[in-house]
Amino acid sequence: MKKLSLLIGTLGGAMAGYLFSNQKLRKDLSEAKDAETAARLLGKHLQQDGKKLAQQAQEFVESDEVQKNWKKAKTYAQESFDVARKELTKLVNRAEEAASDAAGEAQSAARKVAKKAARRAKKTAHRMQTKMRKLL
């Protein structure tokens, strides 16, 4: 919500600056009979000035200073990406090691349980064999 209010404030400030700097627009708006006419006038002026604004924006973006800063930003982003990739690789390797250790422990535990079950089965079979001999 804070960002929305900041955006609205910025747009309001931009419109106020536009109104203060355009004398013809102020004159036309003061002569407007209703809000609809004022909106049409504002739209007409924005459309006319939009081309100038777009051209100035394009010149600004293509300026040497902006291009130089853009290259710096790309370099920084690439370096940050590389650092993040290395950290993620380390994290994945640690997870693999932990999973491998857990699998080894599980194998060991399963082996113990299997041996214990085999001993019990052997004892039970021996007991049953003894009981069968007694019955026969």
N, C-alpha and C. Protein backbone atom coordinates (compact mmCIF):
# COMPACT_ATOMS: atom_id res chain seq x y z
N MET A 1 0.83 -1.18 0.00
CA MET A 1 0.00 0.00 0.00
C MET A 1 0.87 1.25 0.00
N LYS A 2 2.02 1.16 0.66
CA LYS A 2 2.92 2.30 0.72
C LYS A 2 3.43 2.65 -0.67
N LYS A 3 3.70 1.62 -1.48
CA LYS A 3 4.19 1.86 -2.84
C LYS A 3 3.13 2.54 -3.70
N LEU A 4 1.87 2.15 -3.51
CA LEU A 4 0.79 2.75 -4.28
C LEU A 4 0.67 4.24 -3.97
N SER A 5 0.72 4.59 -2.70
CA SER A 5 0.61 6.01 -2.34
C SER A 5 1.82 6.78 -2.87
N LEU A 6 2.98 6.15 -2.86
CA LEU A 6 4.17 6.80 -3.42
C LEU A 6 4.01 7.01 -4.92
N LEU A 7 3.47 6.01 -5.61
CA LEU A 7 3.25 6.12 -7.05
C LEU A 7 2.24 7.22 -7.37
N ILE A 8 1.16 7.25 -6.63
CA ILE A 8 0.14 8.28 -6.86
C ILE A 8 0.71 9.67 -6.58
N GLY A 9 1.49 9.80 -5.53
CA GLY A 9 2.12 11.07 -5.22
C GLY A 9 3.08 11.51 -6.31
N THR A 10 3.83 10.55 -6.84
CA THR A 10 4.78 10.87 -7.91
C THR A 10 4.04 11.31 -9.17
N LEU A 11 2.98 10.58 -9.51
CA LEU A 11 2.20 10.97 -10.70
C LEU A 11 1.56 12.33 -10.51
N GLY A 12 1.06 12.58 -9.30
CA GLY A 12 0.47 13.90 -9.02
C GLY A 12 1.50 15.01 -9.14
N GLY A 13 2.68 14.76 -8.63
CA GLY A 13 3.76 15.74 -8.75
C GLY A 13 4.15 15.98 -10.19
N ALA A 14 4.18 14.91 -10.98
CA ALA A 14 4.52 15.04 -12.40
C ALA A 14 3.45 15.86 -13.13
N MET A 15 2.19 15.59 -12.82
CA MET A 15 1.10 16.34 -13.47
C MET A 15 1.14 17.81 -13.06
N ALA A 16 1.42 18.06 -11.79
CA ALA A 16 1.51 19.45 -11.32
C ALA A 16 2.65 20.17 -12.04
N GLY A 17 3.79 19.51 -12.17
CA GLY A 17 4.91 20.10 -12.89
C GLY A 17 4.56 20.37 -14.33
N TYR A 18 3.83 19.45 -14.94
CA TYR A 18 3.41 19.61 -16.33
C TYR A 18 2.47 20.81 -16.46
N LEU A 19 1.53 20.93 -15.54
CA LEU A 19 0.60 22.06 -15.57
C LEU A 19 1.32 23.39 -15.35
N PHE A 20 2.24 23.41 -14.40
CA PHE A 20 2.94 24.66 -14.11
C PHE A 20 3.84 25.09 -15.27
N SER A 21 4.37 24.14 -16.01
CA SER A 21 5.30 24.49 -17.07
C SER A 21 4.61 24.78 -18.40
N ASN A 22 3.34 24.44 -18.54
CA ASN A 22 2.65 24.62 -19.82
C ASN A 22 1.57 25.71 -19.67
N GLN A 23 1.94 26.90 -20.10
CA GLN A 23 1.03 28.05 -19.94
C GLN A 23 -0.22 27.90 -20.80
N LYS A 24 -0.06 27.38 -22.03
CA LYS A 24 -1.21 27.24 -22.92
C LYS A 24 -2.22 26.25 -22.32
N LEU A 25 -1.71 25.17 -21.74
CA LEU A 25 -2.59 24.18 -21.11
C LEU A 25 -3.35 24.81 -19.94
N ARG A 26 -2.68 25.58 -19.11
CA ARG A 26 -3.35 26.24 -17.99
C ARG A 26 -4.46 27.16 -18.49
N LYS A 27 -4.18 27.91 -19.56
CA LYS A 27 -5.18 28.82 -20.11
C LYS A 27 -6.37 28.05 -20.64
N ASP A 28 -6.10 26.98 -21.42
CA ASP A 28 -7.19 26.17 -21.98
C ASP A 28 -8.04 25.52 -20.88
N LEU A 29 -7.39 25.03 -19.84
CA LEU A 29 -8.13 24.38 -18.75
C LEU A 29 -8.98 25.38 -17.97
N SER A 30 -8.48 26.60 -17.83
CA SER A 30 -9.28 27.60 -17.12
C SER A 30 -10.52 28.00 -17.91
N GLU A 31 -10.47 27.86 -19.24
CA GLU A 31 -11.62 28.18 -20.08
C GLU A 31 -12.55 26.99 -20.30
N ALA A 32 -12.19 25.83 -19.83
CA ALA A 32 -13.01 24.63 -20.01
C ALA A 32 -14.32 24.77 -19.24
N LYS A 33 -15.41 24.30 -19.88
CA LYS A 33 -16.74 24.46 -19.28
C LYS A 33 -17.08 23.35 -18.28
N ASP A 34 -16.57 22.15 -18.51
CA ASP A 34 -16.86 21.05 -17.59
C ASP A 34 -15.64 20.11 -17.51
N ALA A 35 -15.75 19.11 -16.67
CA ALA A 35 -14.62 18.20 -16.43
C ALA A 35 -14.29 17.38 -17.67
N GLU A 36 -15.31 17.00 -18.43
CA GLU A 36 -15.09 16.20 -19.64
C GLU A 36 -14.27 16.98 -20.66
N THR A 37 -14.60 18.25 -20.85
CA THR A 37 -13.85 19.09 -21.78
C THR A 37 -12.41 19.27 -21.29
N ALA A 38 -12.25 19.44 -19.98
CA ALA A 38 -10.91 19.60 -19.40
C ALA A 38 -10.09 18.33 -19.62
N ALA A 39 -10.73 17.17 -19.47
CA ALA A 39 -10.03 15.90 -19.69
C ALA A 39 -9.61 15.77 -21.14
N ARG A 40 -10.50 16.14 -22.08
CA ARG A 40 -10.15 16.09 -23.51
C ARG A 40 -8.97 17.02 -23.82
N LEU A 41 -9.01 18.22 -23.25
CA LEU A 41 -7.92 19.17 -23.47
C LEU A 41 -6.60 18.63 -22.93
N LEU A 42 -6.66 18.08 -21.73
CA LEU A 42 -5.46 17.51 -21.13
C LEU A 42 -4.92 16.36 -21.99
N GLY A 43 -5.81 15.50 -22.47
CA GLY A 43 -5.41 14.39 -23.34
C GLY A 43 -4.78 14.89 -24.63
N LYS A 44 -5.36 15.93 -25.21
CA LYS A 44 -4.83 16.49 -26.46
C LYS A 44 -3.41 17.04 -26.23
N HIS A 45 -3.22 17.78 -25.14
CA HIS A 45 -1.90 18.33 -24.85
C HIS A 45 -0.88 17.23 -24.54
N LEU A 46 -1.32 16.23 -23.80
CA LEU A 46 -0.41 15.11 -23.49
C LEU A 46 -0.01 14.36 -24.75
N GLN A 47 -0.96 14.23 -25.69
CA GLN A 47 -0.66 13.53 -26.94
C GLN A 47 0.36 14.33 -27.74
N GLN A 48 0.18 15.63 -27.80
CA GLN A 48 1.12 16.47 -28.56
C GLN A 48 2.50 16.47 -27.91
N ASP A 49 2.52 16.57 -26.60
CA ASP A 49 3.80 16.62 -25.89
C ASP A 49 4.41 15.23 -25.72
N GLY A 50 3.61 14.19 -25.90
CA GLY A 50 4.10 12.82 -25.75
C GLY A 50 5.21 12.49 -26.72
N LYS A 51 5.08 12.98 -27.96
CA LYS A 51 6.11 12.72 -28.96
C LYS A 51 7.43 13.36 -28.53
N LYS A 52 7.34 14.60 -28.06
CA LYS A 52 8.55 15.30 -27.60
C LYS A 52 9.16 14.56 -26.41
N LEU A 53 8.31 14.16 -25.51
CA LEU A 53 8.77 13.46 -24.31
C LEU A 53 9.43 12.13 -24.68
N ALA A 54 8.82 11.38 -25.59
CA ALA A 54 9.39 10.10 -26.02
C ALA A 54 10.75 10.31 -26.69
N GLN A 55 10.86 11.34 -27.49
CA GLN A 55 12.12 11.62 -28.17
C GLN A 55 13.20 11.98 -27.14
N GLN A 56 12.84 12.81 -26.16
CA GLN A 56 13.80 13.18 -25.13
C GLN A 56 14.19 11.97 -24.28
N ALA A 57 13.23 11.12 -24.00
CA ALA A 57 13.53 9.91 -23.22
C ALA A 57 14.47 9.00 -24.00
N GLN A 58 14.23 8.87 -25.29
CA GLN A 58 15.09 8.03 -26.12
C GLN A 58 16.51 8.60 -26.17
N GLU A 59 16.62 9.91 -26.31
CA GLU A 59 17.94 10.54 -26.30
C GLU A 59 18.64 10.31 -24.97
N PHE A 60 17.88 10.41 -23.89
CA PHE A 60 18.44 10.19 -22.56
C PHE A 60 18.96 8.76 -22.42
N VAL A 61 18.16 7.80 -22.85
CA VAL A 61 18.55 6.40 -22.73
C VAL A 61 19.77 6.09 -23.59
N GLU A 62 19.85 6.73 -24.75
CA GLU A 62 20.97 6.47 -25.66
C GLU A 62 22.21 7.29 -25.31
N SER A 63 22.13 8.14 -24.31
CA SER A 63 23.28 8.98 -23.95
C SER A 63 24.42 8.11 -23.41
N ASP A 64 25.63 8.63 -23.54
CA ASP A 64 26.82 7.88 -23.12
C ASP A 64 26.79 7.56 -21.63
N GLU A 65 26.35 8.52 -20.83
CA GLU A 65 26.33 8.32 -19.38
C GLU A 65 25.40 7.18 -18.98
N VAL A 66 24.22 7.16 -19.57
CA VAL A 66 23.26 6.10 -19.25
C VAL A 66 23.78 4.75 -19.73
N GLN A 67 24.34 4.72 -20.93
CA GLN A 67 24.87 3.46 -21.47
C GLN A 67 26.02 2.95 -20.60
N LYS A 68 26.87 3.87 -20.12
CA LYS A 68 27.97 3.49 -19.25
C LYS A 68 27.43 2.90 -17.94
N ASN A 69 26.44 3.56 -17.36
CA ASN A 69 25.83 3.04 -16.13
C ASN A 69 25.10 1.73 -16.38
N TRP A 70 24.50 1.59 -17.56
CA TRP A 70 23.80 0.35 -17.90
C TRP A 70 24.80 -0.80 -17.95
N LYS A 71 25.98 -0.54 -18.52
CA LYS A 71 27.01 -1.58 -18.57
C LYS A 71 27.46 -1.95 -17.17
N LYS A 72 27.60 -0.95 -16.30
CA LYS A 72 27.97 -1.22 -14.91
C LYS A 72 26.90 -2.08 -14.24
N ALA A 73 25.65 -1.73 -14.48
CA ALA A 73 24.55 -2.48 -13.87
C ALA A 73 24.53 -3.93 -14.37
N LYS A 74 24.77 -4.12 -15.66
CA LYS A 74 24.80 -5.48 -16.21
C LYS A 74 25.95 -6.28 -15.61
N THR A 75 27.11 -5.63 -15.46
CA THR A 75 28.26 -6.31 -14.87
C THR A 75 27.97 -6.70 -13.43
N TYR A 76 27.39 -5.78 -12.68
CA TYR A 76 27.04 -6.06 -11.29
C TYR A 76 26.03 -7.20 -11.20
N ALA A 77 25.03 -7.17 -12.07
CA ALA A 77 24.02 -8.23 -12.05
C ALA A 77 24.65 -9.58 -12.38
N GLN A 78 25.57 -9.60 -13.34
CA GLN A 78 26.23 -10.85 -13.71
C GLN A 78 27.08 -11.38 -12.55
N GLU A 79 27.82 -10.48 -11.89
CA GLU A 79 28.63 -10.89 -10.74
C GLU A 79 27.76 -11.42 -9.61
N SER A 80 26.65 -10.74 -9.34
CA SER A 80 25.73 -11.20 -8.30
C SER A 80 25.15 -12.56 -8.64
N PHE A 81 24.83 -12.75 -9.91
CA PHE A 81 24.29 -14.03 -10.37
C PHE A 81 25.32 -15.14 -10.18
N ASP A 82 26.59 -14.85 -10.52
CA ASP A 82 27.64 -15.85 -10.37
C ASP A 82 27.83 -16.24 -8.90
N VAL A 83 27.82 -15.24 -8.02
CA VAL A 83 27.97 -15.51 -6.59
C VAL A 83 26.79 -16.37 -6.10
N ALA A 84 25.60 -16.01 -6.52
CA ALA A 84 24.41 -16.77 -6.11
C ALA A 84 24.48 -18.21 -6.62
N ARG A 85 24.96 -18.38 -7.86
CA ARG A 85 25.07 -19.72 -8.43
C ARG A 85 26.06 -20.56 -7.62
N LYS A 86 27.21 -19.96 -7.25
CA LYS A 86 28.20 -20.70 -6.46
C LYS A 86 27.63 -21.10 -5.11
N GLU A 87 26.93 -20.18 -4.45
CA GLU A 87 26.34 -20.48 -3.15
C GLU A 87 25.29 -21.58 -3.27
N LEU A 88 24.51 -21.51 -4.32
CA LEU A 88 23.48 -22.54 -4.53
C LEU A 88 24.12 -23.90 -4.80
N THR A 89 25.21 -23.91 -5.56
CA THR A 89 25.91 -25.16 -5.83
C THR A 89 26.44 -25.76 -4.54
N LYS A 90 27.03 -24.91 -3.67
CA LYS A 90 27.51 -25.39 -2.37
C LYS A 90 26.37 -25.98 -1.55
N LEU A 91 25.25 -25.29 -1.55
CA LEU A 91 24.09 -25.76 -0.80
C LEU A 91 23.60 -27.11 -1.32
N VAL A 92 23.54 -27.25 -2.63
CA VAL A 92 23.10 -28.52 -3.23
C VAL A 92 24.08 -29.63 -2.89
N ASN A 93 25.38 -29.32 -2.94
CA ASN A 93 26.38 -30.35 -2.60
C ASN A 93 26.23 -30.79 -1.14
N ARG A 94 25.99 -29.83 -0.24
CA ARG A 94 25.78 -30.18 1.17
C ARG A 94 24.54 -31.06 1.32
N ALA A 95 23.50 -30.71 0.59
CA ALA A 95 22.26 -31.50 0.67
C ALA A 95 22.50 -32.91 0.14
N GLU A 96 23.29 -33.03 -0.94
CA GLU A 96 23.60 -34.35 -1.47
C GLU A 96 24.39 -35.18 -0.45
N GLU A 97 25.37 -34.54 0.21
CA GLU A 97 26.15 -35.24 1.22
C GLU A 97 25.27 -35.69 2.37
N ALA A 98 24.38 -34.80 2.81
CA ALA A 98 23.47 -35.15 3.91
C ALA A 98 22.56 -36.31 3.50
N ALA A 99 22.07 -36.27 2.26
CA ALA A 99 21.19 -37.34 1.78
C ALA A 99 21.96 -38.66 1.70
N SER A 100 23.21 -38.57 1.25
CA SER A 100 24.04 -39.77 1.16
C SER A 100 24.29 -40.35 2.54
N ASP A 101 24.61 -39.47 3.51
CA ASP A 101 24.82 -39.94 4.88
C ASP A 101 23.55 -40.58 5.45
N ALA A 102 22.42 -39.92 5.19
CA ALA A 102 21.15 -40.46 5.69
C ALA A 102 20.85 -41.81 5.05
N ALA A 103 21.17 -41.94 3.76
CA ALA A 103 20.93 -43.22 3.08
C ALA A 103 21.83 -44.30 3.67
N GLY A 104 23.09 -43.95 3.97
CA GLY A 104 24.00 -44.92 4.59
C GLY A 104 23.50 -45.35 5.95
N GLU A 105 23.04 -44.39 6.73
CA GLU A 105 22.50 -44.71 8.06
C GLU A 105 21.25 -45.57 7.94
N ALA A 106 20.42 -45.25 6.97
CA ALA A 106 19.19 -46.03 6.76
C ALA A 106 19.55 -47.46 6.35
N GLN A 107 20.58 -47.59 5.50
CA GLN A 107 21.01 -48.92 5.06
C GLN A 107 21.52 -49.72 6.27
N SER A 108 22.31 -49.05 7.10
CA SER A 108 22.85 -49.71 8.29
C SER A 108 21.71 -50.14 9.21
N ALA A 109 20.77 -49.26 9.43
CA ALA A 109 19.63 -49.58 10.30
C ALA A 109 18.81 -50.72 9.71
N ALA A 110 18.61 -50.68 8.40
CA ALA A 110 17.83 -51.74 7.75
C ALA A 110 18.56 -53.07 7.87
N ARG A 111 19.88 -53.05 7.73
CA ARG A 111 20.67 -54.27 7.86
C ARG A 111 20.51 -54.85 9.26
N LYS A 112 20.56 -53.98 10.29
CA LYS A 112 20.41 -54.43 11.67
C LYS A 112 19.04 -55.04 11.89
N VAL A 113 18.00 -54.35 11.37
CA VAL A 113 16.64 -54.85 11.54
C VAL A 113 16.48 -56.19 10.82
N ALA A 114 17.09 -56.31 9.64
CA ALA A 114 16.98 -57.56 8.88
C ALA A 114 17.67 -58.70 9.63
N LYS A 115 18.85 -58.44 10.19
CA LYS A 115 19.56 -59.47 10.95
C LYS A 115 18.74 -59.91 12.16
N LYS A 116 18.17 -58.92 12.84
CA LYS A 116 17.36 -59.22 14.03
C LYS A 116 16.14 -60.07 13.63
N ALA A 117 15.51 -59.69 12.51
CA ALA A 117 14.34 -60.44 12.04
C ALA A 117 14.74 -61.86 11.64
N ALA A 118 15.92 -61.99 11.02
CA ALA A 118 16.39 -63.32 10.63
C ALA A 118 16.64 -64.19 11.86
N ARG A 119 17.27 -63.60 12.90
CA ARG A 119 17.50 -64.35 14.14
C ARG A 119 16.20 -64.80 14.77
N ARG A 120 15.23 -63.86 14.81
CA ARG A 120 13.92 -64.22 15.38
C ARG A 120 13.26 -65.33 14.58
N ALA A 121 13.35 -65.21 13.25
CA ALA A 121 12.73 -66.25 12.41
C ALA A 121 13.42 -67.59 12.63
N LYS A 122 14.76 -67.56 12.78
CA LYS A 122 15.50 -68.80 13.01
C LYS A 122 15.10 -69.43 14.34
N LYS A 123 14.99 -68.54 15.39
CA LYS A 123 14.58 -69.04 16.71
C LYS A 123 13.18 -69.63 16.65
N THR A 124 12.30 -68.91 15.96
CA THR A 124 10.91 -69.38 15.85
C THR A 124 10.87 -70.70 15.10
N ALA A 125 11.64 -70.81 14.02
CA ALA A 125 11.67 -72.06 13.24
C ALA A 125 12.23 -73.19 14.09
N HIS A 126 13.26 -72.91 14.87
CA HIS A 126 13.85 -73.93 15.74
C HIS A 126 12.84 -74.37 16.80
N ARG A 127 12.13 -73.37 17.38
CA ARG A 127 11.10 -73.68 18.37
C ARG A 127 10.00 -74.54 17.75
N MET A 128 9.57 -74.20 16.58
CA MET A 128 8.49 -74.94 15.92
C MET A 128 8.96 -76.36 15.58
N GLN A 129 10.24 -76.46 15.18
CA GLN A 129 10.78 -77.77 14.86
C GLN A 129 10.79 -78.65 16.12
N THR A 130 11.17 -78.05 17.25
CA THR A 130 11.21 -78.79 18.51
C THR A 130 9.79 -79.23 18.89
N LYS A 131 8.83 -78.33 18.77
CA LYS A 131 7.44 -78.67 19.10
C LYS A 131 6.93 -79.77 18.18
N MET A 132 7.32 -79.75 16.91
CA MET A 132 6.86 -80.76 15.95
C MET A 132 7.43 -82.12 16.32
N ARG A 133 8.69 -82.14 16.78
CA ARG A 133 9.30 -83.41 17.19
C ARG A 133 8.58 -84.00 18.41
N LYS A 134 8.21 -83.07 19.32
CA LYS A 134 7.52 -83.55 20.51
C LYS A 134 6.16 -84.12 20.17
N LEU A 135 5.51 -83.51 19.19
CA LEU A 135 4.18 -83.99 18.79
C LEU A 135 4.27 -85.32 18.05
N LEU A 136 5.28 -85.56 17.36
CA LEU A 136 5.39 -86.78 16.58
C LEU A 136 5.98 -87.85 17.43
